[in-house]
Amino acid sequence: MIPMSGSGGARRESGRRGSPPDPQSAFEAFATRQGPRIEEALRGILPGPRTSPRGVHRAMRYMVFPGGKRLRPLMVVLAHRTFGGRFPRIHEAAATVELIHTFSLIHDDLPCMDDDDFRRGRATCHKAFGEATAVLAGDALLVLAFETLGRIGRNGRGGRWVEAVAGAIGTAGVIGGQSLDLDSEGKRVGRDVLADIHRRKTAALFSGSLALGTLCAGAPDAAVGRAASFGESFGKAFQVADDLLNLEGSFREIGRPRGTDLVRRKATYPSVLGVEASYGHLRRFLREAVARAAALGGPAAVFEIYRGLCLKVARRVPGWTPMMERGLR
């Protein structure tokens, strides 16, 4: 897993005598345990680099390995654990959302979309392999994800799993959000449009990941809805943090040049609301996410993982301070 940087003050406080453990350590421990199993599942699903057609398969693997934070597959496993799931192939199910996420990154970076040259600190897929191969690699990752979900679905439930994930990436989700994002470039947009873009483009796949994990656990529909609602709140907070990072972060932190959103006149929280108000929204969305995590009803130790996940995302942002964590710890 790639460690996140940001304000270390809140983490240092947890080391003082008599202070409670920092929830972020609970999430880090969870990621350390589950991360290797997700990586193993990804390696088992993806075709080898020497398998024909080599160019597409090499491009797929180039984008998946080494990966990013793996938050979405970790959330699948976390939701599965929250509701006491015992599905033996949960890490394969989790890997499918990472394939889908990577598909969306490849396509987002294309010249006809955001036209980015860097992703995770190195050349984007179309820069490394050419635009045509990048398109095919993204398409192949998406197809492979659904093929895998269909194959591992148990007791006839695979259809519901596919439906939950497909709903997160269609025109009501990621693809719709990307379309609205492109339409909004260089235009003045209001808060409602901004919220709609990022609810679809970012929050929907987090919600879908949690719904998938809950469905794999065999939990009732009400539980699926509660898990998805946490994903929506968390996804909104994640997007605000990402927008602030693009404005304030370094190349090392964000894996690409700073300020690209400003250059493209993207509809972001800082550009629409201002930086100070954006930090206020980040805090509000995170408090909402923590409250929704508490409503899931899982064990207290699992709730700490959710809280730690929220703090981890916030602490990436350079301007985040320990004072902002009141109500989250």
Protein backbone atom coordinates (compact mmCIF):
# COMPACT_ATOMS: atom_id res chain seq x y z
CA MET A 1 0.00 0.00 0.00
CA ILE A 2 1.17 3.54 -0.74
CA PRO A 3 1.33 5.68 2.43
CA MET A 4 -0.51 8.98 2.30
CA SER A 5 1.20 12.14 3.39
CA GLY A 6 -0.34 15.21 4.93
CA SER A 7 -0.70 16.64 8.39
CA GLY A 8 1.16 14.40 10.81
CA GLY A 9 0.08 16.31 13.90
CA ALA A 10 -3.03 14.24 14.52
CA ARG A 11 -1.09 11.01 14.20
CA ARG A 12 1.63 12.18 16.60
CA GLU A 13 -0.97 13.03 19.21
CA SER A 14 -2.02 9.39 19.38
CA GLY A 15 1.41 8.47 20.70
CA ARG A 16 1.07 10.54 23.87
CA ARG A 17 0.66 8.65 27.10
CA GLY A 18 -2.98 8.12 27.99
CA SER A 19 -4.38 9.15 24.63
CA PRO A 20 -6.65 6.72 22.74
CA PRO A 21 -5.30 4.86 19.72
CA ASP A 22 -5.51 6.74 16.44
CA PRO A 23 -8.27 5.19 14.29
CA GLN A 24 -6.05 5.54 11.23
CA SER A 25 -3.82 2.79 12.64
CA ALA A 26 -6.85 0.46 12.61
CA PHE A 27 -7.37 1.11 8.90
CA GLU A 28 -3.66 0.75 8.16
CA ALA A 29 -3.58 -2.62 9.92
CA PHE A 30 -6.65 -3.74 7.97
CA ALA A 31 -5.07 -2.65 4.68
CA THR A 32 -1.81 -4.42 5.56
CA ARG A 33 -3.68 -7.68 6.16
CA GLN A 34 -6.03 -7.51 3.19
CA GLY A 35 -3.88 -5.73 0.61
CA PRO A 36 -1.69 -8.71 -0.35
CA ARG A 37 -4.74 -10.89 -0.87
CA ILE A 38 -6.24 -8.30 -3.20
CA GLU A 39 -2.95 -8.12 -5.13
CA GLU A 40 -2.89 -11.91 -5.40
CA ALA A 41 -6.45 -11.90 -6.75
CA LEU A 42 -5.59 -9.24 -9.32
CA ARG A 43 -2.59 -11.23 -10.53
CA GLY A 44 -4.74 -14.33 -10.84
CA ILE A 45 -7.44 -12.56 -12.86
CA LEU A 46 -5.31 -10.56 -15.28
CA PRO A 47 -3.83 -12.27 -18.36
CA GLY A 48 -0.06 -12.62 -18.35
CA PRO A 49 2.07 -10.08 -20.26
CA ARG A 50 3.16 -12.73 -22.77
CA THR A 51 -0.38 -13.84 -23.57
CA SER A 52 -1.62 -12.70 -26.98
CA PRO A 53 -2.45 -9.90 -27.67
CA ARG A 54 0.65 -8.87 -25.75
CA GLY A 55 0.34 -5.12 -26.26
CA VAL A 56 -3.10 -4.87 -24.67
CA HIS A 57 -2.25 -7.23 -21.82
CA ARG A 58 0.97 -5.37 -21.06
CA ALA A 59 -0.93 -2.08 -21.00
CA MET A 60 -3.55 -3.53 -18.64
CA ARG A 61 -0.92 -4.74 -16.21
CA TYR A 62 1.07 -1.51 -16.49
CA MET A 63 -1.92 0.40 -15.20
CA VAL A 64 -2.94 -2.08 -12.49
CA PHE A 65 0.57 -2.77 -11.09
CA PRO A 66 1.83 -1.10 -9.03
CA GLY A 67 -1.52 0.29 -8.13
CA GLY A 68 -2.75 3.16 -6.08
CA LYS A 69 -4.31 3.05 -2.64
CA ARG A 70 -6.71 0.19 -3.48
CA LEU A 71 -9.41 1.91 -1.45
CA ARG A 72 -12.31 0.55 -3.49
CA PRO A 73 -11.42 -3.16 -3.22
CA LEU A 74 -10.56 -2.67 0.44
CA MET A 75 -14.05 -1.25 0.93
CA VAL A 76 -15.58 -4.34 -0.67
CA VAL A 77 -13.75 -6.53 1.85
CA LEU A 78 -14.58 -4.18 4.72
CA ALA A 79 -18.30 -4.19 3.95
CA HIS A 80 -18.21 -7.98 3.64
CA ARG A 81 -16.60 -8.21 7.08
CA THR A 82 -19.02 -5.68 8.58
CA PHE A 83 -21.96 -7.95 7.85
CA GLY A 84 -20.26 -11.19 8.84
CA GLY A 85 -19.71 -12.51 5.33
CA ARG A 86 -17.94 -15.81 4.67
CA PHE A 87 -17.66 -15.78 0.88
CA PRO A 88 -14.31 -17.50 0.17
CA ARG A 89 -13.72 -15.56 -3.07
CA ILE A 90 -14.35 -12.11 -1.66
CA HIS A 91 -10.91 -10.85 -2.71
CA GLU A 92 -11.63 -11.76 -6.31
CA ALA A 93 -14.90 -9.87 -6.09
CA ALA A 94 -13.02 -6.94 -4.58
CA ALA A 95 -10.44 -7.04 -7.37
CA THR A 96 -13.14 -6.45 -9.98
CA VAL A 97 -13.81 -2.92 -8.72
CA GLU A 98 -10.11 -2.13 -9.01
CA LEU A 99 -10.21 -3.28 -12.64
CA ILE A 100 -13.20 -0.99 -13.21
CA HIS A 101 -11.53 1.91 -11.45
CA THR A 102 -8.41 1.44 -13.59
CA PHE A 103 -10.55 1.38 -16.74
CA SER A 104 -12.01 4.75 -15.74
CA LEU A 105 -8.54 6.21 -15.12
CA ILE A 106 -7.24 5.11 -18.51
CA HIS A 107 -10.18 6.67 -20.30
CA ASP A 108 -10.13 9.84 -18.15
CA ASP A 109 -6.51 10.44 -19.12
CA LEU A 110 -7.07 10.15 -22.89
CA PRO A 111 -6.44 13.20 -25.13
CA CYS A 112 -10.15 13.40 -25.92
CA MET A 113 -10.97 13.53 -22.20
CA ASP A 114 -8.68 15.14 -19.60
CA ASP A 115 -5.53 14.77 -21.73
CA ASP A 116 -3.18 13.92 -18.87
CA ASP A 117 0.46 12.91 -19.36
CA PHE A 118 1.03 11.48 -15.88
CA ARG A 119 -0.78 9.08 -13.59
CA ARG A 120 0.64 7.87 -10.26
CA GLY A 121 3.96 9.50 -11.01
CA ARG A 122 4.61 7.95 -14.41
CA ALA A 123 3.40 8.16 -18.00
CA THR A 124 -0.31 7.62 -18.56
CA CYS A 125 -1.39 4.55 -20.50
CA HIS A 126 -1.81 6.31 -23.85
CA LYS A 127 1.59 7.98 -23.46
CA ALA A 128 3.27 4.66 -22.74
CA PHE A 129 1.41 2.43 -25.24
CA GLY A 130 -0.39 4.70 -27.69
CA GLU A 131 -3.96 5.92 -27.72
CA ALA A 132 -5.52 2.94 -29.53
CA THR A 133 -3.96 0.39 -27.18
CA ALA A 134 -5.00 2.46 -24.17
CA VAL A 135 -8.63 2.49 -25.32
CA LEU A 136 -8.56 -1.27 -25.83
CA ALA A 137 -6.85 -1.88 -22.48
CA GLY A 138 -9.53 0.13 -20.67
CA ASP A 139 -12.30 -1.70 -22.50
CA ALA A 140 -10.69 -5.05 -21.73
CA LEU A 141 -10.41 -4.28 -18.01
CA LEU A 142 -14.09 -3.38 -17.84
CA VAL A 143 -15.14 -6.56 -19.65
CA LEU A 144 -12.83 -8.69 -17.51
CA ALA A 145 -14.37 -7.28 -14.34
CA PHE A 146 -17.88 -8.32 -15.32
CA GLU A 147 -16.70 -11.67 -16.65
CA THR A 148 -15.12 -12.35 -13.26
CA LEU A 149 -18.19 -11.30 -11.29
CA GLY A 150 -20.37 -13.54 -13.41
CA ARG A 151 -17.99 -16.46 -12.97
CA ILE A 152 -17.63 -16.29 -9.20
CA GLY A 153 -21.25 -15.38 -8.41
CA ARG A 154 -22.74 -17.90 -6.00
CA ASN A 155 -26.22 -19.29 -5.60
CA GLY A 156 -27.51 -17.34 -8.58
CA ARG A 157 -26.62 -14.00 -6.96
CA GLY A 158 -24.03 -12.98 -9.52
CA GLY A 159 -26.65 -11.01 -11.44
CA ARG A 160 -27.30 -8.73 -8.45
CA TRP A 161 -23.57 -8.21 -7.98
CA VAL A 162 -23.19 -7.20 -11.62
CA GLU A 163 -26.20 -4.91 -11.37
CA ALA A 164 -24.81 -3.13 -8.29
CA VAL A 165 -21.46 -2.45 -9.94
CA ALA A 166 -22.86 -1.63 -13.39
CA GLY A 167 -25.17 0.96 -11.88
CA ALA A 168 -22.16 2.68 -10.37
CA ILE A 169 -20.32 3.12 -13.67
CA GLY A 170 -23.08 3.73 -16.23
CA THR A 171 -24.60 7.06 -17.21
CA ALA A 172 -26.03 7.38 -13.70
CA GLY A 173 -22.54 6.89 -12.31
CA VAL A 174 -18.94 7.28 -13.46
CA ILE A 175 -19.60 7.64 -17.20
CA GLY A 176 -22.39 10.15 -16.62
CA GLY A 177 -20.19 12.11 -14.24
CA GLN A 178 -17.36 12.24 -16.74
CA SER A 179 -19.75 13.49 -19.41
CA LEU A 180 -21.07 16.26 -17.15
CA ASP A 181 -17.52 17.12 -16.13
CA LEU A 182 -16.48 17.60 -19.76
CA ASP A 183 -19.59 19.65 -20.49
CA SER A 184 -18.80 21.95 -17.55
CA GLU A 185 -15.20 22.80 -18.47
CA GLY A 186 -14.70 26.54 -18.83
CA LYS A 187 -18.26 27.32 -17.69
CA ARG A 188 -19.68 28.82 -14.53
CA VAL A 189 -21.50 26.10 -12.66
CA GLY A 190 -23.49 26.18 -9.45
CA ARG A 191 -23.24 24.02 -6.37
CA ASP A 192 -25.98 21.65 -7.51
CA VAL A 193 -24.22 20.87 -10.80
CA LEU A 194 -20.89 20.46 -9.02
CA ALA A 195 -22.42 18.06 -6.50
CA ASP A 196 -24.10 16.06 -9.27
CA ILE A 197 -20.85 15.70 -11.23
CA HIS A 198 -18.91 14.35 -8.28
CA ARG A 199 -21.73 12.24 -6.89
CA ARG A 200 -21.64 10.34 -10.16
CA LYS A 201 -17.99 10.52 -11.12
CA THR A 202 -16.48 9.69 -7.72
CA ALA A 203 -18.99 8.73 -5.05
CA ALA A 204 -20.95 6.22 -7.15
CA LEU A 205 -18.12 3.68 -7.42
CA PHE A 206 -17.40 3.90 -3.69
CA SER A 207 -21.10 3.22 -3.06
CA GLY A 208 -21.06 0.38 -5.56
CA SER A 209 -18.00 -1.16 -3.89
CA LEU A 210 -19.68 -1.17 -0.49
CA ALA A 211 -22.91 -2.51 -1.96
CA LEU A 212 -20.98 -5.33 -3.63
CA GLY A 213 -19.26 -6.35 -0.41
CA THR A 214 -22.56 -6.29 1.46
CA LEU A 215 -24.27 -8.38 -1.21
CA CYS A 216 -21.42 -10.90 -1.15
CA ALA A 217 -22.04 -11.23 2.60
CA GLY A 218 -25.67 -12.14 1.90
CA ALA A 219 -26.93 -9.17 3.94
CA PRO A 220 -30.50 -7.84 3.47
CA ASP A 221 -31.36 -4.99 1.13
CA ALA A 222 -31.61 -2.49 3.99
CA ALA A 223 -27.99 -3.19 4.89
CA VAL A 224 -26.95 -2.72 1.26
CA GLY A 225 -28.58 0.70 1.28
CA ARG A 226 -26.87 1.75 4.52
CA ALA A 227 -23.48 0.65 3.24
CA ALA A 228 -23.98 2.48 -0.04
CA SER A 229 -24.96 5.66 1.83
CA PHE A 230 -21.63 5.61 3.66
CA GLY A 231 -19.93 5.27 0.29
CA GLU A 232 -21.75 8.34 -1.03
CA SER A 233 -20.71 10.53 1.90
CA PHE A 234 -17.16 9.21 1.82
CA GLY A 235 -16.96 9.67 -1.94
CA LYS A 236 -18.01 13.31 -1.67
CA ALA A 237 -15.32 13.90 0.96
CA PHE A 238 -12.76 12.07 -1.16
CA GLN A 239 -13.50 14.33 -4.13
CA VAL A 240 -13.15 17.52 -2.09
CA ALA A 241 -9.80 16.27 -0.79
CA ASP A 242 -8.73 15.39 -4.33
CA ASP A 243 -9.70 18.85 -5.59
CA LEU A 244 -7.73 20.50 -2.78
CA LEU A 245 -4.73 18.27 -3.44
CA ASN A 246 -4.71 19.26 -7.10
CA LEU A 247 -4.47 22.85 -5.94
CA GLU A 248 -2.11 22.47 -2.97
CA GLY A 249 -0.32 19.13 -3.28
CA SER A 250 3.07 18.25 -4.74
CA PHE A 251 3.84 16.00 -7.72
CA ARG A 252 4.98 13.33 -5.27
CA GLU A 253 1.66 13.44 -3.43
CA ILE A 254 -0.67 13.46 -6.44
CA GLY A 255 1.45 11.75 -9.10
CA ARG A 256 0.94 14.52 -11.66
CA PRO A 257 1.64 18.25 -11.98
CA ARG A 258 -0.20 20.51 -9.56
CA GLY A 259 -2.88 22.87 -10.81
CA THR A 260 -4.11 20.92 -13.84
CA ASP A 261 -7.72 21.53 -12.81
CA LEU A 262 -7.14 25.28 -12.95
CA VAL A 263 -5.49 25.08 -16.36
CA ARG A 264 -8.48 23.15 -17.76
CA ARG A 265 -10.97 25.34 -15.90
CA LYS A 266 -12.56 22.30 -14.29
CA ALA A 267 -15.59 22.50 -12.05
CA THR A 268 -14.02 21.77 -8.67
CA TYR A 269 -14.93 22.60 -5.09
CA PRO A 270 -12.18 25.24 -4.72
CA SER A 271 -13.04 26.87 -8.06
CA VAL A 272 -16.77 27.04 -7.30
CA LEU A 273 -16.81 27.52 -3.51
CA GLY A 274 -13.31 28.75 -2.65
CA VAL A 275 -10.62 27.01 -0.60
CA GLU A 276 -11.91 27.84 2.89
CA ALA A 277 -15.45 26.70 2.10
CA SER A 278 -14.04 23.55 0.51
CA TYR A 279 -12.33 22.60 3.77
CA GLY A 280 -15.65 23.19 5.49
CA HIS A 281 -17.36 20.81 3.06
CA LEU A 282 -14.62 18.24 3.59
CA ARG A 283 -15.23 18.27 7.33
CA ARG A 284 -19.01 18.13 6.89
CA PHE A 285 -18.90 15.20 4.45
CA LEU A 286 -16.51 13.29 6.70
CA ARG A 287 -18.69 13.81 9.78
CA GLU A 288 -21.63 12.58 7.73
CA ALA A 289 -19.63 9.53 6.63
CA VAL A 290 -18.61 8.68 10.20
CA ALA A 291 -22.24 8.94 11.35
CA ARG A 292 -23.34 6.64 8.53
CA ALA A 293 -20.58 4.17 9.38
CA ALA A 294 -21.88 4.06 12.96
CA ALA A 295 -25.36 3.27 11.61
CA LEU A 296 -24.06 0.12 9.89
CA GLY A 297 -24.20 -1.71 13.20
CA GLY A 298 -20.98 -3.67 12.86
CA PRO A 299 -18.52 -4.47 15.66
CA ALA A 300 -16.79 -1.52 17.36
CA ALA A 301 -13.41 -2.63 15.97
CA VAL A 302 -14.80 -2.49 12.44
CA PHE A 303 -16.26 0.97 13.02
CA GLU A 304 -12.76 2.15 13.95
CA ILE A 305 -11.56 1.01 10.53
CA TYR A 306 -14.19 3.19 8.86
CA ARG A 307 -13.18 6.16 10.97
CA GLY A 308 -9.53 5.54 10.20
CA LEU A 309 -10.31 5.42 6.48
CA CYS A 310 -11.98 8.83 6.71
CA LEU A 311 -9.05 10.34 8.59
CA LYS A 312 -6.54 8.87 6.17
CA VAL A 313 -8.16 10.61 3.23
CA ALA A 314 -8.41 13.96 5.03
CA ARG A 315 -4.80 13.88 6.18
CA ARG A 316 -3.54 13.77 2.62
CA VAL A 317 -4.53 17.41 2.20
CA PRO A 318 -1.73 19.84 3.16
CA GLY A 319 -4.07 22.29 4.89
CA TRP A 320 -5.78 19.70 7.08
CA THR A 321 -5.03 20.19 10.80
CA PRO A 322 -5.72 18.22 14.00
CA MET A 323 -8.25 20.89 15.02
CA MET A 324 -10.36 19.93 12.01
CA GLU A 325 -10.72 16.39 13.39
CA ARG A 326 -13.10 17.35 16.17
CA GLY A 327 -16.16 15.16 15.83
CA LEU A 328 -14.26 12.56 13.80
CA ARG A 329 -12.16 10.99 16.58
